[in-house]
């Protein structure tokens, strides 16, 4: 079956809080809007629907209530939604190619809003590729959507607010958390307190998570990180934990401890998703406090590429609450640019939204700084640690390529194959560039992987769809 292009005024990629509000706002202004997401329902990571709950506690119901409101708002709107669709290619003429349950689909639009959120960062260590080691985001999906514990006994490690959120959910689900290993020091948390109190509701929620963990007898090891994981008896994991310094480097002279568990959940913060903006050759800048490389924008969500707009954490870590307002800002700006609002109406609508966004992002930006990876942290990545899991490229192989003259990540990619696997560098790119930056002097000099399609792994059968040879258009023979 040969598919044809479908047209829309606005295409929104990502149905998290930013994407939902961007799509609904633009549709309410009279624009034809299509919303595409790979998940089966709207909500994103934070507000995803939860078919199961361990209990009916307030901590779980708060996020679920917000998500339910957003999904109902989307349902009542004129937005055309396409869930379970994987976007594999986007071109500069604002054509989007995707595959879904009914085969390939293609859209062309006047405005493209990228609200694809973030990917999770893991600073590699020997053993992070072992069965039983998963990311914080994956654990959240297991706990929320599948009512599954990562293991009977779990160690939770990394940095950021998800540490205590996941640990508390495991405890609530009847699991045992052997320890919470937080790379951030108590002093780092204290420095962020002036901004954290801007959202007393979220701060109080975090305090309740910590109280729940403490009541369960779970130790919280601050300023510490995993040094290595090794297989243990009876399919268990032996985790070596060691203190870290202010730059989150392992203090090898300090005493380590070994904890044996069934599963390990680990995550070292978030990285803005830039695969689409890189593919469209938008201008980017490196801002460590916002998660790393982000597409430049004019504060009204316009990128350097005509017709390309940004919303939510995809253009800098600010949190889910801020993403709701940022999505609305994107919808209003697109509406103005496409002629649905005059300048007076636009200014009247956008100013209060911007104020709410700036207010909401204080908490998220504080969390972002807490999760930001110090440049020196990768010094502790051992030589034998696998950095690129898709291609099994180790730190030693990356260092060898650098010693031979690689000075930019795409050159390093060509020499080592790191970033060439199914994830296209989403998992390893940030760490590879950080290791290279130790030699080049900066992340700007190290650069970033060039974005190109396919953005996600798809089969040739998915792209072509089902067709007969009779469906293939054959041009008439040229006259002799």
Protein backbone atom coordinates (compact mmCIF):
# COMPACT_ATOMS: atom_id res chain seq x y z
CA UNK A 1 0.00 0.00 0.00
CA UNK A 2 1.53 3.31 -1.07
CA UNK A 3 0.67 6.07 1.38
CA UNK A 4 0.31 9.75 0.57
CA UNK A 5 1.23 12.84 2.55
CA UNK A 6 -1.38 14.17 4.95
CA UNK A 7 -1.41 17.91 5.61
CA UNK A 8 -1.88 19.77 8.88
CA UNK A 9 -1.24 23.27 10.12
CA UNK A 10 0.67 22.01 13.15
CA UNK A 11 2.40 18.76 14.02
CA UNK A 12 3.32 18.15 17.68
CA UNK A 13 5.84 15.42 18.46
CA UNK A 14 5.48 14.10 22.00
CA UNK A 15 2.34 13.78 24.13
CA UNK A 16 3.78 14.69 27.50
CA UNK A 17 2.61 17.76 29.43
CA UNK A 18 4.25 20.21 27.00
CA UNK A 19 2.99 18.42 23.90
CA UNK A 20 -0.59 18.11 25.15
CA UNK A 21 -0.90 21.78 26.06
CA UNK A 22 0.81 22.92 22.86
CA UNK A 23 -1.55 20.82 20.73
CA UNK A 24 -4.74 21.78 22.58
CA UNK A 25 -3.85 25.50 22.64
CA UNK A 26 -3.12 25.56 18.90
CA UNK A 27 -6.30 23.62 18.11
CA UNK A 28 -8.40 25.99 20.23
CA UNK A 29 -7.14 28.83 18.04
CA UNK A 30 -8.63 27.15 14.99
CA UNK A 31 -5.56 25.40 13.61
CA UNK A 32 -5.59 21.80 12.37
CA UNK A 33 -3.30 19.91 14.75
CA UNK A 34 -1.85 16.40 14.74
CA UNK A 35 -0.24 14.97 17.91
CA UNK A 36 2.09 11.96 17.56
CA UNK A 37 3.53 9.80 20.34
CA UNK A 38 5.19 6.40 20.56
CA UNK A 39 3.34 5.48 23.76
CA UNK A 40 -0.19 4.02 23.85
CA UNK A 41 -1.60 7.03 25.74
CA UNK A 42 -0.81 10.66 26.53
CA UNK A 43 0.90 11.84 29.71
CA UNK A 44 4.63 11.37 29.21
CA UNK A 45 6.91 9.95 31.88
CA UNK A 46 5.52 11.90 34.83
CA UNK A 47 1.79 11.88 34.03
CA UNK A 48 1.52 8.50 32.32
CA UNK A 49 -1.72 6.60 33.05
CA UNK A 50 -1.48 4.01 35.81
CA UNK A 51 -3.78 1.03 35.28
CA UNK A 52 -2.58 -0.36 38.59
CA UNK A 53 -1.69 1.14 41.96
CA UNK A 54 -0.17 -0.56 44.95
CA UNK A 55 -2.26 1.57 47.28
CA UNK A 56 -4.38 4.72 47.00
CA UNK A 57 -1.91 7.12 48.55
CA UNK A 58 -1.82 10.85 47.85
CA UNK A 59 1.67 10.66 46.34
CA UNK A 60 0.48 8.50 43.47
CA UNK A 61 -2.88 10.17 42.99
CA UNK A 62 -1.48 13.70 42.58
CA UNK A 63 0.37 12.93 39.35
CA UNK A 64 -2.38 10.67 38.14
CA UNK A 65 -5.00 13.37 38.73
CA UNK A 66 -3.03 15.91 36.68
CA UNK A 67 -2.50 13.36 33.94
CA UNK A 68 -6.19 12.47 33.87
CA UNK A 69 -7.14 16.15 33.52
CA UNK A 70 -4.69 16.57 30.64
CA UNK A 71 -5.93 13.47 28.83
CA UNK A 72 -9.55 14.56 29.22
CA UNK A 73 -8.69 18.01 27.88
CA UNK A 74 -6.98 16.40 24.90
CA UNK A 75 -9.91 14.08 24.30
CA UNK A 76 -12.38 16.98 24.18
CA UNK A 77 -10.23 19.02 21.80
CA UNK A 78 -10.11 18.95 18.01
CA UNK A 79 -6.57 17.52 18.03
CA UNK A 80 -6.00 14.44 15.84
CA UNK A 81 -3.98 11.98 17.94
CA UNK A 82 -1.76 9.16 16.70
CA UNK A 83 -0.46 7.01 19.53
CA UNK A 84 1.82 3.98 19.16
CA UNK A 85 3.44 5.73 16.19
CA UNK A 86 7.22 5.86 15.92
CA UNK A 87 8.63 8.91 14.16
CA UNK A 88 11.69 7.75 12.24
CA UNK A 89 12.43 10.71 9.98
CA UNK A 90 11.88 14.49 9.88
CA UNK A 91 13.05 16.72 7.02
CA UNK A 92 13.74 20.45 6.66
CA UNK A 93 10.54 20.94 4.62
CA UNK A 94 8.65 19.85 7.78
CA UNK A 95 7.70 16.42 6.56
CA UNK A 96 7.35 13.79 9.28
CA UNK A 97 7.55 10.05 8.57
CA UNK A 98 6.22 7.57 11.11
CA UNK A 99 5.17 3.94 11.40
CA UNK A 100 2.24 2.73 13.46
CA UNK A 101 -0.14 -0.21 13.90
CA UNK A 102 -1.68 0.45 10.47
CA UNK A 103 1.60 0.89 8.63
CA UNK A 104 3.57 3.94 7.49
CA UNK A 105 2.18 7.47 7.64
CA UNK A 106 3.53 10.77 6.39
CA UNK A 107 2.56 14.33 7.25
CA UNK A 108 3.60 17.75 6.04
CA UNK A 109 2.88 20.83 8.14
CA UNK A 110 3.30 24.58 8.41
CA UNK A 111 4.66 24.42 11.96
CA UNK A 112 6.42 21.60 13.83
CA UNK A 113 6.51 21.62 17.66
CA UNK A 114 9.11 19.30 19.19
CA UNK A 115 8.09 18.30 22.72
CA UNK A 116 10.03 15.06 23.00
CA UNK A 117 11.28 15.52 26.56
CA UNK A 118 14.49 13.93 27.78
CA UNK A 119 16.56 10.78 27.81
CA UNK A 120 18.17 9.31 30.90
CA UNK A 121 21.89 9.58 31.57
CA UNK A 122 23.89 6.80 33.17
CA UNK A 123 27.56 7.36 33.94
CA UNK A 124 29.07 3.97 33.03
CA UNK A 125 30.79 1.60 35.42
CA UNK A 126 31.80 -2.05 35.03
CA UNK A 127 28.66 -4.17 35.22
CA UNK A 128 26.03 -1.60 34.28
CA UNK A 129 25.18 -3.75 31.27
CA UNK A 130 24.38 -6.84 33.39
CA UNK A 131 20.85 -8.32 33.59
CA UNK A 132 19.04 -6.86 36.58
CA UNK A 133 20.48 -3.35 36.13
CA UNK A 134 17.89 -0.91 34.78
CA UNK A 135 17.39 2.84 34.59
CA UNK A 136 15.31 4.97 36.94
CA UNK A 137 12.90 5.77 34.10
CA UNK A 138 12.42 2.08 33.31
CA UNK A 139 11.78 1.37 36.99
CA UNK A 140 9.17 4.13 37.05
CA UNK A 141 7.35 2.51 34.12
CA UNK A 142 7.47 -0.90 35.82
CA UNK A 143 6.11 0.50 39.06
CA UNK A 144 3.45 2.78 37.58
CA UNK A 145 2.18 0.94 34.54
CA UNK A 146 2.90 -2.72 35.26
CA UNK A 147 2.75 -2.97 39.07
CA UNK A 148 6.09 -4.77 39.01
CA UNK A 149 9.02 -4.48 41.38
CA UNK A 150 12.55 -4.40 39.87
CA UNK A 151 13.48 -7.14 42.35
CA UNK A 152 12.80 -8.40 45.86
CA UNK A 153 15.82 -6.44 47.09
CA UNK A 154 16.88 -3.39 45.09
CA UNK A 155 19.62 -0.80 45.30
CA UNK A 156 18.69 2.65 43.94
CA UNK A 157 21.58 4.87 42.81
CA UNK A 158 22.39 8.04 40.88
CA UNK A 159 21.16 11.58 41.50
CA UNK A 160 18.03 13.68 41.31
CA UNK A 161 14.49 13.54 42.70
CA UNK A 162 13.66 10.24 40.99
CA UNK A 163 15.94 8.44 43.45
CA UNK A 164 13.61 8.95 46.40
CA UNK A 165 10.46 8.71 44.25
CA UNK A 166 11.43 5.28 42.93
CA UNK A 167 12.71 4.06 46.30
CA UNK A 168 9.48 5.11 48.02
CA UNK A 169 7.39 3.39 45.35
CA UNK A 170 9.37 0.17 45.77
CA UNK A 171 8.84 0.27 49.53
CA UNK A 172 5.15 0.96 49.03
CA UNK A 173 4.91 -1.96 46.63
CA UNK A 174 6.26 -4.37 49.23
CA UNK A 175 9.84 -4.48 48.03
CA UNK A 176 13.00 -3.95 50.04
CA UNK A 177 15.41 -1.13 49.17
CA UNK A 178 18.87 -2.09 50.41
CA UNK A 179 20.17 1.49 50.06
CA UNK A 180 19.70 4.77 48.23
CA UNK A 181 23.07 5.87 46.86
CA UNK A 182 22.97 9.58 46.05
CA UNK A 183 25.89 11.18 44.20
CA UNK A 184 24.77 14.62 45.40
CA UNK A 185 25.97 15.73 48.80
CA UNK A 186 23.75 17.09 51.55
CA UNK A 187 25.40 20.45 50.98
CA UNK A 188 24.35 20.39 47.30
CA UNK A 189 20.74 19.79 48.30
CA UNK A 190 20.97 22.62 50.84
CA UNK A 191 22.26 25.06 48.19
CA UNK A 192 19.16 24.43 46.10
CA UNK A 193 16.74 24.91 48.98
CA UNK A 194 15.88 28.61 48.26
CA UNK A 195 14.46 27.59 44.88
CA UNK A 196 13.00 24.30 46.09
CA UNK A 197 10.74 26.13 48.52
CA UNK A 198 9.17 27.93 45.55
CA UNK A 199 7.08 24.76 45.20
CA UNK A 200 6.24 23.78 48.79
CA UNK A 201 3.84 21.09 47.53
CA UNK A 202 6.60 19.29 45.61
CA UNK A 203 9.10 19.84 48.41
CA UNK A 204 6.65 18.36 50.91
CA UNK A 205 6.09 15.40 48.60
CA UNK A 206 9.83 14.77 48.54
CA UNK A 207 10.01 14.99 52.33
CA UNK A 208 7.26 12.38 52.59
CA UNK A 209 9.15 10.08 50.21
CA UNK A 210 12.28 10.37 52.37
CA UNK A 211 10.24 9.72 55.52
CA UNK A 212 8.77 6.59 53.97
CA UNK A 213 12.25 5.35 53.05
CA UNK A 214 13.57 6.08 56.53
CA UNK A 215 10.66 4.26 58.20
CA UNK A 216 11.52 1.20 56.12
CA UNK A 217 15.04 1.29 57.54
CA UNK A 218 16.69 2.11 54.20
CA UNK A 219 20.02 3.93 54.53
CA UNK A 220 20.65 6.97 52.30
CA UNK A 221 24.32 7.16 51.33
CA UNK A 222 24.96 10.77 50.28
CA UNK A 223 27.96 11.81 48.16
CA UNK A 224 28.43 8.21 47.03
CA UNK A 225 28.28 6.27 43.77
CA UNK A 226 28.53 2.76 42.34
CA UNK A 227 32.08 1.74 41.51
CA UNK A 228 31.25 -1.62 39.94
CA UNK A 229 28.67 -4.43 39.82
CA UNK A 230 29.60 -8.09 39.61
CA UNK A 231 27.47 -11.24 39.33
CA UNK A 232 26.90 -12.99 42.65
CA UNK A 233 25.49 -16.34 43.72
CA UNK A 234 21.88 -17.29 42.96
CA UNK A 235 21.59 -14.73 40.13
CA UNK A 236 22.16 -11.82 42.49
CA UNK A 237 24.34 -8.76 42.05
CA UNK A 238 27.27 -7.64 44.17
CA UNK A 239 27.46 -3.84 44.17
CA UNK A 240 30.56 -1.95 45.28
CA UNK A 241 29.77 1.57 46.53
CA UNK A 242 32.36 4.23 47.27
CA UNK A 243 32.25 7.91 48.38
CA UNK A 244 32.71 10.65 45.77
CA UNK A 245 34.22 14.14 45.96
CA UNK A 246 32.56 17.47 45.13
CA UNK A 247 32.99 16.72 41.39
CA UNK A 248 31.42 13.26 41.89
CA UNK A 249 34.67 11.45 41.19
CA UNK A 250 35.21 8.22 43.11
CA UNK A 251 37.52 8.69 46.08
CA UNK A 252 39.62 5.56 45.63
CA UNK A 253 41.37 6.07 48.97
CA UNK A 254 38.05 6.03 50.83
CA UNK A 255 36.59 2.84 52.24
CA UNK A 256 34.10 1.04 50.00
CA UNK A 257 31.20 -1.19 50.95
CA UNK A 258 29.61 -4.12 49.15
CA UNK A 259 25.85 -4.62 48.98
CA UNK A 260 24.27 -7.76 47.49
CA UNK A 261 20.86 -7.28 45.85
CA UNK A 262 18.53 -8.77 43.25
CA UNK A 263 18.33 -5.61 41.12
CA UNK A 264 19.94 -2.22 40.68
CA UNK A 265 18.13 0.91 39.52
CA UNK A 266 20.45 3.69 38.40
CA UNK A 267 20.20 7.10 36.72
CA UNK A 268 22.49 10.14 36.70
CA UNK A 269 20.08 12.83 35.62
CA UNK A 270 18.44 13.75 32.33
CA UNK A 271 19.61 14.92 28.92
CA UNK A 272 17.32 16.97 26.62
CA UNK A 273 16.19 15.03 23.56
CA UNK A 274 17.81 16.74 20.55
CA UNK A 275 17.84 14.03 17.89
CA UNK A 276 15.14 15.80 15.84
CA UNK A 277 16.56 19.32 16.22
CA UNK A 278 20.01 18.01 15.31
CA UNK A 279 18.60 16.25 12.26
CA UNK A 280 17.01 19.54 11.16
CA UNK A 281 20.34 21.33 11.65
CA UNK A 282 18.99 23.80 14.19
CA UNK A 283 21.55 25.87 16.09
CA UNK A 284 22.45 24.40 19.48
CA UNK A 285 24.28 25.56 22.58
CA UNK A 286 25.78 23.68 25.49
CA UNK A 287 24.30 24.58 28.91
CA UNK A 288 25.32 22.07 31.54
CA UNK A 289 22.78 23.30 34.11
CA UNK A 290 19.96 22.64 31.61
CA UNK A 291 21.10 19.11 30.85
CA UNK A 292 23.66 19.64 28.08
CA UNK A 293 23.12 20.47 24.43
CA UNK A 294 19.84 22.27 23.71
CA UNK A 295 18.44 23.88 20.57
CA UNK A 296 18.65 27.66 20.73
CA UNK A 297 15.33 29.48 20.97
CA UNK A 298 14.13 33.06 21.26
CA UNK A 299 12.37 32.54 24.64
CA UNK A 300 9.07 32.38 22.74
CA UNK A 301 9.92 28.81 21.65
CA UNK A 302 11.02 29.64 18.08
CA UNK A 303 14.18 27.81 16.97
CA UNK A 304 16.72 28.93 14.37
CA UNK A 305 14.87 26.87 11.73
CA UNK A 306 11.78 28.45 10.17
CA UNK A 307 8.64 26.63 11.29
CA UNK A 308 10.40 24.65 14.04
CA UNK A 309 9.31 25.30 17.64
CA UNK A 310 10.38 23.79 20.97
CA UNK A 311 8.45 23.01 24.14
CA UNK A 312 9.19 21.46 27.53
CA UNK A 313 12.35 19.75 28.70
CA UNK A 314 13.50 19.16 25.11
CA UNK A 315 14.96 22.69 25.22
CA UNK A 316 16.30 22.61 28.80
CA UNK A 317 15.43 20.74 31.99
CA UNK A 318 12.68 22.66 33.79
CA UNK A 319 10.32 19.96 35.11
CA UNK A 320 6.82 18.74 34.36
CA UNK A 321 5.01 21.65 36.02
CA UNK A 322 6.90 24.18 33.89
CA UNK A 323 6.36 22.03 30.79
CA UNK A 324 2.59 22.51 31.06
CA UNK A 325 2.99 26.28 30.77
CA UNK A 326 5.73 26.03 28.16
CA UNK A 327 3.47 23.94 25.95
CA UNK A 328 0.75 26.57 26.16
CA UNK A 329 3.32 29.23 25.28
CA UNK A 330 4.32 27.20 22.20
CA UNK A 331 0.71 26.84 21.09
CA UNK A 332 0.11 30.58 21.40
CA UNK A 333 3.30 31.49 19.53
CA UNK A 334 2.45 29.13 16.68
CA UNK A 335 -1.07 30.55 16.59
CA UNK A 336 0.32 34.07 16.29
CA UNK A 337 2.90 33.14 13.64
CA UNK A 338 0.25 31.36 11.55
CA UNK A 339 -2.12 34.32 11.67
CA UNK A 340 -4.70 33.19 14.22
CA UNK A 341 -3.85 35.97 16.71
CA UNK A 342 -3.06 39.62 16.15
CA UNK A 343 -0.19 41.17 18.06
CA UNK A 344 -2.36 42.74 20.78
CA UNK A 345 -4.26 39.52 21.48
CA UNK A 346 -1.03 37.53 21.44
CA UNK A 347 0.70 39.79 23.96
CA UNK A 348 -2.32 39.80 26.23
CA UNK A 349 -2.44 35.99 26.26
CA UNK A 350 1.26 35.20 26.31
CA UNK A 351 2.48 37.46 29.13
CA UNK A 352 0.59 35.75 32.00
CA UNK A 353 1.61 32.35 30.59
CA UNK A 354 5.27 33.39 30.54
CA UNK A 355 5.05 34.59 34.15
CA UNK A 356 3.60 31.26 35.27
CA UNK A 357 6.25 29.40 33.30
CA UNK A 358 9.11 31.35 34.90
CA UNK A 359 7.59 30.79 38.32
CA UNK A 360 7.11 27.04 37.78
CA UNK A 361 10.55 26.44 36.33
CA UNK A 362 12.40 27.61 39.45
CA UNK A 363 11.90 24.24 41.10
CA UNK A 364 12.70 22.31 37.91
CA UNK A 365 15.84 24.31 37.20
CA UNK A 366 17.05 23.66 40.76
CA UNK A 367 16.55 19.94 40.17
CA UNK A 368 18.31 20.28 36.83
CA UNK A 369 21.39 21.81 38.44
CA UNK A 370 21.40 19.06 41.05
CA UNK A 371 21.33 16.44 38.27
CA UNK A 372 23.87 18.24 36.05
CA UNK A 373 26.99 16.17 35.51
CA UNK A 374 30.24 17.86 36.59
CA UNK A 375 32.74 17.65 33.68
CA UNK A 376 35.24 15.84 35.90
CA UNK A 377 32.81 13.08 36.86
CA UNK A 378 33.72 10.98 33.80
CA UNK A 379 37.32 10.80 35.05
CA UNK A 380 36.10 7.94 37.25
CA UNK A 381 34.80 5.87 34.33
CA UNK A 382 37.18 2.91 34.34
CA UNK A 383 39.05 1.75 31.26
CA UNK A 384 37.15 -1.56 31.05
CA UNK A 385 33.70 0.00 31.45
CA UNK A 386 31.49 -0.29 28.37
CA UNK A 387 30.44 3.21 27.32
CA UNK A 388 28.48 2.36 24.15
CA UNK A 389 26.35 -0.66 24.97
CA UNK A 390 24.97 -1.03 21.43
CA UNK A 391 28.45 -1.59 19.96
CA UNK A 392 30.30 -2.74 23.12
CA UNK A 393 32.82 0.13 22.96
CA UNK A 394 34.85 0.57 26.15
CA UNK A 395 36.48 3.64 27.68
CA UNK A 396 39.86 2.16 26.74
CA UNK A 397 38.90 2.00 23.04
CA UNK A 398 37.59 5.56 23.12
CA UNK A 399 40.80 6.80 24.76
CA UNK A 400 42.87 4.94 22.14
CA UNK A 401 41.02 6.73 19.33
CA UNK A 402 41.55 10.07 21.06
CA UNK A 403 45.26 9.31 21.46
CA UNK A 404 45.41 8.55 17.73
CA UNK A 405 44.02 11.98 16.90
CA UNK A 406 40.20 11.96 17.13
CA UNK A 407 39.16 15.47 18.19
CA UNK A 408 35.40 15.56 17.47
CA UNK A 409 32.67 13.10 18.39
CA UNK A 410 31.67 12.28 14.80
CA UNK A 411 35.28 11.42 14.01
CA UNK A 412 35.36 9.31 17.17
CA UNK A 413 32.12 7.66 16.06
CA UNK A 414 33.61 6.73 12.68
CA UNK A 415 36.72 5.25 14.28
CA UNK A 416 35.08 3.27 17.10
CA UNK A 417 31.42 2.78 16.01
CA UNK A 418 30.19 4.30 19.29
CA UNK A 419 26.79 5.85 18.60
CA UNK A 420 26.11 3.70 15.52
CA UNK A 421 23.78 1.24 17.24
CA UNK A 422 19.98 1.16 17.60
CA UNK A 423 19.93 4.01 20.13
CA UNK A 424 21.86 6.27 17.70
CA UNK A 425 23.91 7.71 20.55
CA UNK A 426 21.04 8.71 22.82
CA UNK A 427 22.49 6.58 25.63
CA UNK A 428 26.22 7.05 25.12
CA UNK A 429 26.56 10.38 23.28
CA UNK A 430 26.70 12.60 26.35
CA UNK A 431 29.34 10.44 28.06
CA UNK A 432 31.44 9.94 24.92
CA UNK A 433 31.58 13.70 24.35
CA UNK A 434 32.42 14.32 28.01
CA UNK A 435 35.36 11.90 27.84
CA UNK A 436 36.56 13.57 24.64
CA UNK A 437 36.16 17.02 26.23
CA UNK A 438 38.76 16.07 28.85
CA UNK A 439 41.28 16.22 25.99
CA UNK A 440 39.74 18.90 23.73
CA UNK A 441 39.09 21.28 26.63
CA UNK A 442 35.35 21.82 26.25
CA UNK A 443 32.08 20.18 25.26
CA UNK A 444 31.70 22.81 22.52
CA UNK A 445 34.97 21.66 20.95
CA UNK A 446 33.98 17.99 21.28
CA UNK A 447 30.66 18.68 19.52
CA UNK A 448 27.69 16.32 19.25
CA UNK A 449 26.63 13.44 17.03
CA UNK A 450 25.13 14.64 13.75
CA UNK A 451 21.41 13.85 13.70
CA UNK A 452 20.13 11.81 10.80
CA UNK A 453 17.39 9.33 9.99
CA UNK A 454 16.30 6.81 10.92
CA UNK A 455 15.76 8.48 14.29
CA UNK A 456 14.49 5.20 15.72
CA UNK A 457 15.16 1.62 14.58
CA UNK A 458 12.43 0.53 12.14
CA UNK A 459 12.29 -2.35 9.70
CA UNK A 460 12.12 -1.94 5.92
CA UNK A 461 8.78 -3.75 6.02
CA UNK A 462 7.37 -1.14 8.43
CA UNK A 463 8.46 1.70 6.17
CA UNK A 464 7.19 0.27 2.90
CA UNK A 465 3.95 -1.20 4.24
CA UNK A 466 1.94 -3.90 2.47
CA UNK A 467 1.58 -3.54 -1.27
CA UNK A 468 1.24 -5.47 -4.51
CA UNK A 469 3.38 -4.84 -7.53
CA UNK A 470 0.29 -3.48 -9.23
CA UNK A 471 0.26 -0.69 -6.62
CA UNK A 472 3.65 0.62 -7.77
CA UNK A 473 3.22 3.57 -10.14
CA UNK A 474 5.12 2.92 -13.39
CA UNK A 475 5.90 5.95 -15.55
CA UNK A 476 5.06 5.81 -19.21
CA UNK A 477 7.92 5.03 -21.54
CA UNK A 478 9.64 8.05 -23.02
CA UNK A 479 8.86 8.67 -26.72
CA UNK A 480 11.54 7.46 -29.10
